[in-house]
Protein backbone atom coordinates (compact mmCIF):
# COMPACT_ATOMS: atom_id res chain seq x y z
CA MET A 1 0.00 0.00 0.00
CA HIS A 2 1.28 3.46 -0.85
CA ALA A 3 2.99 5.18 2.05
CA GLY A 4 1.38 8.53 1.20
CA LEU A 5 -2.15 7.41 2.00
CA ARG A 6 -3.79 9.23 4.89
CA GLY A 7 -4.47 7.45 8.15
CA GLY A 8 -8.18 7.21 7.34
CA LEU A 9 -7.32 4.86 4.48
CA ARG A 10 -5.25 2.36 6.43
CA GLY A 11 -6.59 -1.12 5.83
CA ARG A 12 -7.85 -0.18 2.33
CA GLY A 13 -5.04 -1.87 0.45
CA ALA A 14 -7.64 -4.01 -1.34
CA VAL A 15 -8.44 -0.86 -3.30
CA PHE A 16 -5.07 0.92 -3.50
CA ASP A 17 -2.32 -1.74 -3.53
CA ALA A 18 0.14 -1.59 -6.42
CA ASP A 19 1.96 -4.93 -6.15
CA PRO A 20 -0.05 -6.98 -6.73
CA PRO A 21 -2.56 -4.42 -7.98
CA GLY A 22 -5.70 -3.78 -5.96
CA LEU A 23 -9.21 -3.11 -7.24
CA ALA A 24 -8.65 0.49 -8.40
CA PRO A 25 -5.57 -0.08 -10.59
CA ARG A 26 -7.16 -3.17 -12.14
CA LEU A 27 -10.18 -1.11 -13.21
CA VAL A 28 -8.46 2.20 -14.01
CA GLY A 29 -5.43 0.65 -15.70
CA LEU A 30 -3.01 2.87 -13.78
CA LEU A 31 -1.16 2.34 -10.52
CA PRO A 32 -2.23 4.78 -7.77
CA PHE A 33 0.17 7.66 -7.03
CA GLN A 34 2.57 6.36 -9.71
CA HIS A 35 3.15 6.68 -13.46
CA GLY A 36 3.02 2.96 -14.25
CA SER A 37 0.21 1.13 -15.98
CA SER A 38 -1.68 -1.87 -14.63
CA PRO A 39 -3.32 -4.74 -16.54
CA TYR A 40 -7.10 -4.48 -16.80
CA GLU A 41 -9.13 -7.09 -14.98
CA HIS A 42 -12.12 -6.16 -17.15
CA PRO A 43 -10.82 -4.97 -20.54
CA LYS A 44 -14.32 -4.53 -22.02
CA GLU A 45 -17.27 -4.04 -19.69
CA LEU A 46 -16.32 -3.10 -16.14
CA PRO A 47 -18.41 -2.99 -12.96
CA PHE A 48 -19.81 0.15 -11.38
CA VAL A 49 -18.22 -0.13 -7.92
CA VAL A 50 -20.36 0.94 -4.98
CA PHE A 51 -18.81 1.17 -1.51
CA ALA A 52 -21.70 0.80 0.95
CA GLY A 53 -22.28 1.08 4.67
CA GLY A 54 -23.33 3.33 7.51
CA ARG A 55 -21.86 6.64 8.63
CA GLY A 56 -18.28 6.81 9.78
CA LEU A 57 -16.90 3.88 7.77
CA GLY A 58 -14.71 6.01 5.54
CA LYS A 59 -16.65 6.03 2.25
CA SER A 60 -15.90 9.71 1.61
CA ALA A 61 -12.25 9.28 2.62
CA LEU A 62 -11.97 6.36 0.21
CA LEU A 63 -13.32 8.40 -2.70
CA ASP A 64 -11.11 11.36 -1.76
CA GLY A 65 -8.16 8.97 -1.77
CA LEU A 66 -9.03 7.74 -5.25
CA ARG A 67 -9.19 11.31 -6.51
CA ASP A 68 -5.79 12.06 -5.01
CA ALA A 69 -4.34 8.83 -6.40
CA TYR A 70 -5.24 9.64 -10.02
CA ARG A 71 -5.63 13.41 -10.29
CA GLY A 72 -3.31 14.87 -12.91
CA ARG A 73 -2.61 11.49 -14.52
CA THR A 74 -6.03 10.60 -15.90
CA PRO A 75 -9.28 12.64 -16.00
CA VAL A 76 -10.90 12.51 -12.55
CA ALA A 77 -14.14 13.98 -11.20
CA LEU A 78 -15.64 13.83 -7.71
CA ILE A 79 -19.09 15.05 -6.72
CA ASP A 80 -20.82 14.96 -3.36
CA CYS A 81 -24.54 14.60 -4.02
CA GLU A 82 -25.39 16.24 -0.69
CA GLU A 83 -23.82 19.56 -1.72
CA SER A 84 -26.17 22.53 -1.95
CA GLN A 85 -25.54 23.01 -5.69
CA PHE A 86 -27.62 19.87 -6.31
CA ALA A 87 -30.53 21.01 -4.13
CA GLY A 88 -31.93 23.68 -6.44
CA PRO A 89 -31.13 26.16 -9.23
CA LEU A 90 -28.43 28.72 -8.58
CA MET A 91 -30.20 31.44 -10.59
CA ASP A 92 -32.99 32.99 -8.52
CA ASP A 93 -35.42 33.35 -11.42
CA ARG A 94 -34.82 29.88 -12.90
CA PRO A 95 -38.05 27.85 -12.72
CA ARG A 96 -37.36 24.69 -10.75
CA GLU A 97 -38.99 22.56 -13.45
CA ALA A 98 -36.36 23.80 -15.93
CA TRP A 99 -33.51 22.74 -13.64
CA SER A 100 -32.25 19.24 -12.97
CA PRO A 101 -29.86 17.91 -10.30
CA VAL A 102 -28.63 15.35 -12.85
CA ALA A 103 -27.86 18.05 -15.41
CA GLN A 104 -26.04 20.05 -12.71
CA ALA A 105 -24.06 16.96 -11.74
CA LEU A 106 -23.07 16.26 -15.36
CA LEU A 107 -21.89 19.86 -15.79
CA THR A 108 -19.80 19.63 -12.61
CA ILE A 109 -18.35 16.24 -13.57
CA ALA A 110 -17.45 17.34 -17.10
CA GLU A 111 -15.73 20.50 -15.87
CA GLN A 112 -13.46 18.40 -13.67
CA LEU A 113 -12.83 15.74 -16.32
CA ALA A 114 -11.83 18.50 -18.75
CA GLU A 115 -8.87 19.53 -16.62
CA PRO A 116 -5.56 18.77 -18.40
CA VAL A 117 -3.57 15.69 -17.41
CA THR A 118 0.06 14.74 -17.95
CA GLY A 119 0.79 13.85 -21.55
CA ALA A 120 -2.70 14.52 -22.92
CA GLY A 121 -4.93 17.46 -23.81
CA ARG A 122 -8.29 18.44 -22.46
CA VAL A 123 -11.29 16.18 -23.02
CA PRO A 124 -13.98 18.12 -24.92
CA PHE A 125 -17.67 17.56 -24.19
CA PRO A 126 -19.52 18.96 -27.24
CA ARG A 127 -22.55 16.63 -27.09
CA LEU A 128 -23.08 17.34 -23.42
CA ALA A 129 -22.58 21.09 -23.97
CA ALA A 130 -25.26 21.14 -26.68
CA GLY A 131 -27.72 19.23 -24.51
CA LEU A 132 -27.09 21.27 -21.37
CA LEU A 133 -27.47 24.48 -23.35
CA ALA A 134 -30.90 23.31 -24.58
CA VAL A 135 -31.92 22.40 -21.04
CA ALA A 136 -30.76 25.73 -19.64
CA ALA A 137 -32.60 27.66 -22.37
CA GLY A 138 -35.86 26.09 -21.24
CA GLY A 139 -35.72 28.18 -18.07
CA TRP A 140 -34.41 31.49 -19.34
CA SER A 141 -36.22 34.80 -19.34
CA ASP A 142 -35.08 38.32 -20.15
CA ARG A 143 -34.89 39.24 -16.43
CA ASP A 144 -31.30 38.11 -15.94
CA VAL A 145 -29.34 38.56 -19.16
CA PRO A 146 -25.93 38.79 -17.39
CA GLY A 147 -26.65 35.52 -15.54
CA ILE A 148 -27.71 33.85 -18.78
CA ARG A 149 -24.50 34.92 -20.51
CA GLN A 150 -22.45 33.58 -17.62
CA GLU A 151 -24.30 30.25 -17.74
CA THR A 152 -23.94 30.04 -21.52
CA GLU A 153 -20.21 30.64 -21.34
CA ARG A 154 -19.77 28.04 -18.60
CA ILE A 155 -21.57 25.40 -20.69
CA LEU A 156 -19.87 26.22 -23.99
CA LEU A 157 -16.44 26.07 -22.37
CA LEU A 158 -17.06 22.33 -22.03
CA ASN A 159 -16.42 22.12 -25.75
CA GLY A 160 -12.71 21.81 -25.13
CA THR A 161 -11.46 25.31 -24.45
CA GLY A 162 -11.43 25.09 -20.66
CA ALA A 163 -12.34 27.72 -18.10
CA ARG A 164 -8.85 29.26 -17.99
CA VAL A 165 -8.33 29.60 -21.75
CA ALA A 166 -8.19 33.06 -23.25
CA GLY A 167 -7.79 34.15 -26.84
CA SER A 168 -9.92 33.43 -29.90
CA ALA A 169 -11.80 30.43 -28.45
CA ALA A 170 -12.92 32.36 -25.37
CA ARG A 171 -13.88 35.38 -27.51
CA TRP A 172 -15.97 33.10 -29.74
CA VAL A 173 -17.80 31.73 -26.68
CA GLY A 174 -18.51 35.29 -25.59
CA ARG A 175 -19.89 36.21 -29.01
CA VAL A 176 -22.17 33.18 -29.04
CA SER A 177 -23.55 34.02 -25.61
CA VAL A 178 -24.40 37.53 -26.79
CA ARG A 179 -26.05 36.09 -29.88
CA LEU A 180 -28.19 33.70 -27.84
CA THR A 181 -29.45 36.34 -25.44
CA ALA A 182 -30.28 38.55 -28.43
CA ALA A 183 -32.54 35.75 -29.70
CA MET A 184 -34.79 36.14 -26.66
CA SER A 185 -38.02 37.88 -27.53
CA GLY A 186 -39.02 38.72 -23.96
CA THR A 187 -42.37 36.98 -24.34
CA GLY A 188 -43.32 33.32 -24.56
CA PRO A 189 -41.07 30.28 -24.58
CA VAL A 190 -37.48 31.07 -25.47
CA ALA A 191 -35.95 27.60 -25.79
CA GLU A 192 -36.73 27.16 -29.49
CA PRO A 193 -35.31 30.48 -30.78
CA ILE A 194 -32.23 30.10 -28.57
CA ILE A 195 -31.60 26.54 -29.79
CA GLU A 196 -32.06 27.75 -33.36
CA ALA A 197 -29.59 30.59 -32.82
CA ALA A 198 -27.09 28.18 -31.24
CA LEU A 199 -27.30 25.80 -34.19
CA GLU A 200 -26.71 28.67 -36.58
CA ALA A 201 -23.65 29.75 -34.59
CA PHE A 202 -22.30 26.20 -34.55
CA SER A 203 -22.67 25.92 -38.34
CA GLU A 204 -20.48 28.95 -39.03
CA GLY A 205 -16.71 28.63 -39.23
CA VAL A 206 -14.24 25.81 -39.79
CA SER A 207 -12.32 25.78 -36.50
CA PRO A 208 -12.19 22.63 -34.33
CA THR A 209 -14.61 24.36 -31.95
CA HIS A 210 -17.21 24.77 -34.70
CA ARG A 211 -16.69 21.26 -36.09
CA ARG A 212 -17.09 19.58 -32.70
CA LEU A 213 -20.31 21.43 -31.91
CA ARG A 214 -21.70 20.79 -35.40
CA LYS A 215 -21.09 17.07 -34.98
CA ALA A 216 -22.53 17.21 -31.47
CA ALA A 217 -25.73 18.89 -32.62
CA TYR A 218 -26.27 16.26 -35.33
CA TRP A 219 -26.00 13.58 -32.64
CA TYR A 220 -29.40 14.74 -31.33
CA ARG A 221 -31.13 13.99 -34.61
CA ASP A 222 -31.38 10.38 -33.35
CA TYR A 223 -33.25 11.43 -30.22
CA PRO A 224 -36.60 9.56 -30.06
CA ASN A 225 -39.28 11.30 -32.15
CA ALA A 226 -36.80 13.86 -33.51
CA GLY A 227 -37.29 12.53 -37.03
CA GLY A 228 -33.67 13.16 -37.97
CA SER A 229 -33.82 16.85 -36.99
CA PRO A 230 -31.07 18.03 -34.58
CA LYS A 231 -33.09 21.10 -33.72
CA LEU A 232 -36.18 19.06 -32.83
CA GLY A 233 -34.06 16.62 -30.84
CA LEU A 234 -32.65 19.42 -28.67
CA ILE A 235 -36.09 21.01 -28.28
CA LEU A 236 -37.45 17.64 -27.11
CA VAL A 237 -34.64 17.26 -24.57
CA SER A 238 -35.46 20.70 -23.18
CA GLY A 239 -39.23 20.16 -23.16
CA GLN A 240 -39.13 16.68 -21.67
CA LEU A 241 -36.92 17.78 -18.84
CA ARG A 242 -39.45 20.51 -18.01
CA ALA A 243 -42.31 17.99 -18.22
CA GLY A 244 -41.06 16.04 -15.23
CA GLY A 245 -41.74 12.42 -14.35
CA GLY A 246 -40.78 9.76 -16.86
CA SER A 247 -40.16 12.35 -19.58
CA ARG A 248 -37.57 14.09 -17.40
CA ALA A 249 -35.88 10.79 -16.58
CA HIS A 250 -35.67 10.03 -20.30
CA ALA A 251 -34.03 13.40 -21.07
CA GLU A 252 -31.57 12.99 -18.18
CA HIS A 253 -30.71 9.47 -19.37
CA HIS A 254 -29.83 10.89 -22.78
CA LEU A 255 -27.64 13.59 -21.22
CA VAL A 256 -25.72 10.90 -19.33
CA ARG A 257 -25.27 9.13 -22.65
CA ALA A 258 -23.91 12.39 -24.12
CA LEU A 259 -21.22 12.54 -21.43
CA LEU A 260 -20.23 8.91 -22.04
CA ALA A 261 -20.21 9.37 -25.84
CA ASP A 262 -17.93 12.40 -25.54
CA LEU A 263 -15.54 10.41 -23.34
CA ASP A 264 -15.64 7.54 -25.81
CA ASP A 265 -14.59 9.91 -28.60
CA ALA A 266 -11.69 11.18 -26.51
CA TYR A 267 -10.35 7.67 -25.99
CA THR A 268 -11.21 5.78 -29.17
CA GLY A 269 -12.52 8.21 -31.80
CA ALA A 270 -10.97 10.74 -34.11
CA LEU A 271 -10.04 12.90 -31.12
CA GLN A 272 -8.11 10.11 -29.40
CA ARG A 273 -4.83 11.21 -27.88
CA PRO A 274 -1.93 8.77 -28.37
CA HIS A 275 -0.71 9.30 -24.80
CA ARG A 276 -4.06 9.01 -23.06
CA LEU A 277 -3.45 6.10 -20.68
CA GLY A 278 -5.84 4.27 -18.41
CA ARG A 279 -9.50 5.14 -17.98
CA PRO A 280 -11.22 8.30 -16.76
CA VAL A 281 -12.44 8.10 -13.16
CA VAL A 282 -15.81 9.39 -11.89
CA LEU A 283 -16.44 9.36 -8.14
CA VAL A 284 -19.98 9.85 -6.75
CA ASP A 285 -20.26 10.37 -3.00
CA ASN A 286 -23.58 10.04 -1.14
CA ALA A 287 -25.05 8.34 -4.20
CA HIS A 288 -28.22 7.41 -2.28
CA THR A 289 -29.48 10.98 -2.82
CA ALA A 290 -30.28 12.94 -5.97
CA PRO A 291 -28.57 13.20 -8.36
CA GLY A 292 -26.54 10.12 -7.46
CA SER A 293 -29.29 7.53 -7.59
CA ALA A 294 -30.41 8.64 -11.07
CA LEU A 295 -26.83 8.85 -12.33
CA VAL A 296 -25.95 5.36 -11.09
CA GLY A 297 -29.16 3.92 -12.50
CA SER A 298 -28.63 5.53 -15.89
CA VAL A 299 -25.06 4.24 -16.28
CA LEU A 300 -26.14 0.72 -15.27
CA ARG A 301 -28.99 0.83 -17.77
CA HIS A 302 -26.73 1.95 -20.61
CA ARG A 303 -24.33 -0.89 -19.89
CA ALA A 304 -27.15 -3.44 -19.66
CA GLU A 305 -28.32 -2.25 -23.09
CA GLY A 306 -24.89 -3.05 -24.49
CA ILE A 307 -23.73 0.57 -24.83
CA ALA A 308 -20.12 0.28 -23.75
CA ASP A 309 -18.17 3.00 -22.00
CA ARG A 310 -14.63 3.26 -20.69
CA VAL A 311 -15.23 5.03 -17.39
CA ALA A 312 -14.20 3.69 -14.00
CA PHE A 313 -17.12 4.64 -11.74
CA PHE A 314 -16.86 4.42 -7.96
CA ALA A 315 -19.65 5.53 -5.62
CA GLY A 316 -20.26 5.82 -1.89
CA LEU A 317 -23.69 4.71 -0.67
CA ARG A 318 -25.19 5.04 2.81
CA GLY A 319 -26.81 1.73 3.63
CA GLN A 320 -26.96 -1.34 1.40
CA GLY A 321 -30.57 -1.74 0.36
CA HIS A 322 -31.00 0.65 -2.57
CA PRO A 323 -33.63 -0.78 -4.99
CA ALA A 324 -31.45 -0.03 -8.01
CA LEU A 325 -28.81 -2.41 -6.61
CA ARG A 326 -30.94 -5.40 -5.61
CA ASP A 327 -29.12 -7.75 -8.04
CA ALA A 328 -25.67 -6.23 -7.62
CA VAL A 329 -22.78 -8.65 -7.24
CA ARG A 330 -21.72 -8.45 -3.59
CA ARG A 331 -18.16 -8.92 -2.42
CA THR A 332 -16.37 -8.02 0.80
CA LEU A 333 -13.38 -5.71 0.68
CA PRO A 334 -10.83 -8.50 1.29
CA GLU A 335 -12.48 -10.56 -1.48
CA VAL A 336 -11.82 -7.89 -4.14
CA ALA A 337 -8.17 -7.40 -3.19
CA ARG A 338 -6.87 -9.60 -6.02
CA SER A 339 -9.95 -10.25 -8.16
CA SER A 340 -13.40 -8.69 -8.20
CA GLY A 341 -15.17 -11.98 -8.95
CA TRP A 342 -17.69 -9.88 -10.89
CA THR A 343 -19.72 -11.32 -13.75
CA PRO A 344 -23.03 -9.63 -14.65
CA ASP A 345 -26.19 -11.44 -15.64
CA THR A 346 -29.11 -10.07 -17.67
CA SER A 347 -30.43 -7.70 -14.99
CA ILE A 348 -29.54 -4.01 -14.97
CA SER A 349 -28.36 -3.87 -11.37
CA SER A 350 -26.00 -6.82 -11.84
CA ARG A 351 -23.71 -4.34 -13.61
CA ALA A 352 -22.85 -3.00 -10.16
CA LEU A 353 -20.30 -4.43 -7.74
CA LEU A 354 -21.43 -3.70 -4.17
CA VAL A 355 -18.62 -3.72 -1.62
CA PRO A 356 -19.83 -3.29 2.00
CA LEU A 357 -17.33 -1.46 4.20
CA SER A 358 -16.53 -2.37 7.77
CA PRO A 359 -14.27 -0.51 10.21
CA PRO A 360 -10.79 -0.72 8.66
CA ALA A 361 -7.99 -2.76 10.16
CA PRO A 362 -4.41 -2.63 8.87
CA ASP A 363 -4.31 -6.35 8.14
CA ASP A 364 -7.72 -6.61 6.45
CA THR A 365 -6.23 -7.47 3.04
CA ARG A 366 -3.17 -9.36 4.15
CA LYS A 367 -4.65 -12.41 5.75
């Protein structure tokens, strides 16, 4: 076990060990706190790992440790689903029905995953940016134009420029935000004219920024009932999220797919970087609350439908009886030290690997 681990992680060598590799390096493909690679235990489909148990067992410390172990070497994101940003919209005049904790979580995750890592460039998220922009537009009014421009710029920066980038890319984002707010009539629904203005802006120019967003917009032409129209697909995403219930869940599920598709492009598509090693890591703490439960369920469903992704997901869950995990493969922490023993069946929740935590002891994984 790595000597740099904090005291709260003693006895967690089943997750962090390097020789032989523990659970994390076998799933991520990289040794923790080091620059070496590790063989994959699951080279194709991998389990969604859920660390479960009551308060005080170190679930949050374990996820923090995973972030520290891989940050700067592979894209890593950590969200705590109990944070206030997931409780309601940040803009005072945003209708709650036009805001989604899942959409907010995806924005926060993508911003962290887009941070540069050693030997590779930023991961762009054009599909997710297009979808989040459509969702945001469903709640805009002309009462807070500065706030709308700020939100637009935050979303569009997911397209690969990054929050700290200046120059032509940042100026283009600023121009687009001005153009979108100008499309607001001040009366009636604004989502459709804003989406139309965004698509027009994406279609102009030949820079990588324009090309990525053009391709991303066309991805939404396959949205159910869009009839091959990217514009209608994005309008449906926006409208269904506002509708609530099953329609909202469907729109959120598609936004999760957008995040995974963008990551897939970064690792295997035309945008693949030759030095991008291992897998991206997404860490979801307090996953028993929104948006965690919906996010976990959506990823499991995609995998059960045969839609592969290359993301190493780890979550912390209070308790062990979540309905979405009733068929999860269950293993103790010592049992996963050298092999997960995970094989899914036909059920959705079998794509999860549930690992109950007990109070750590230094020799837990060395018996």
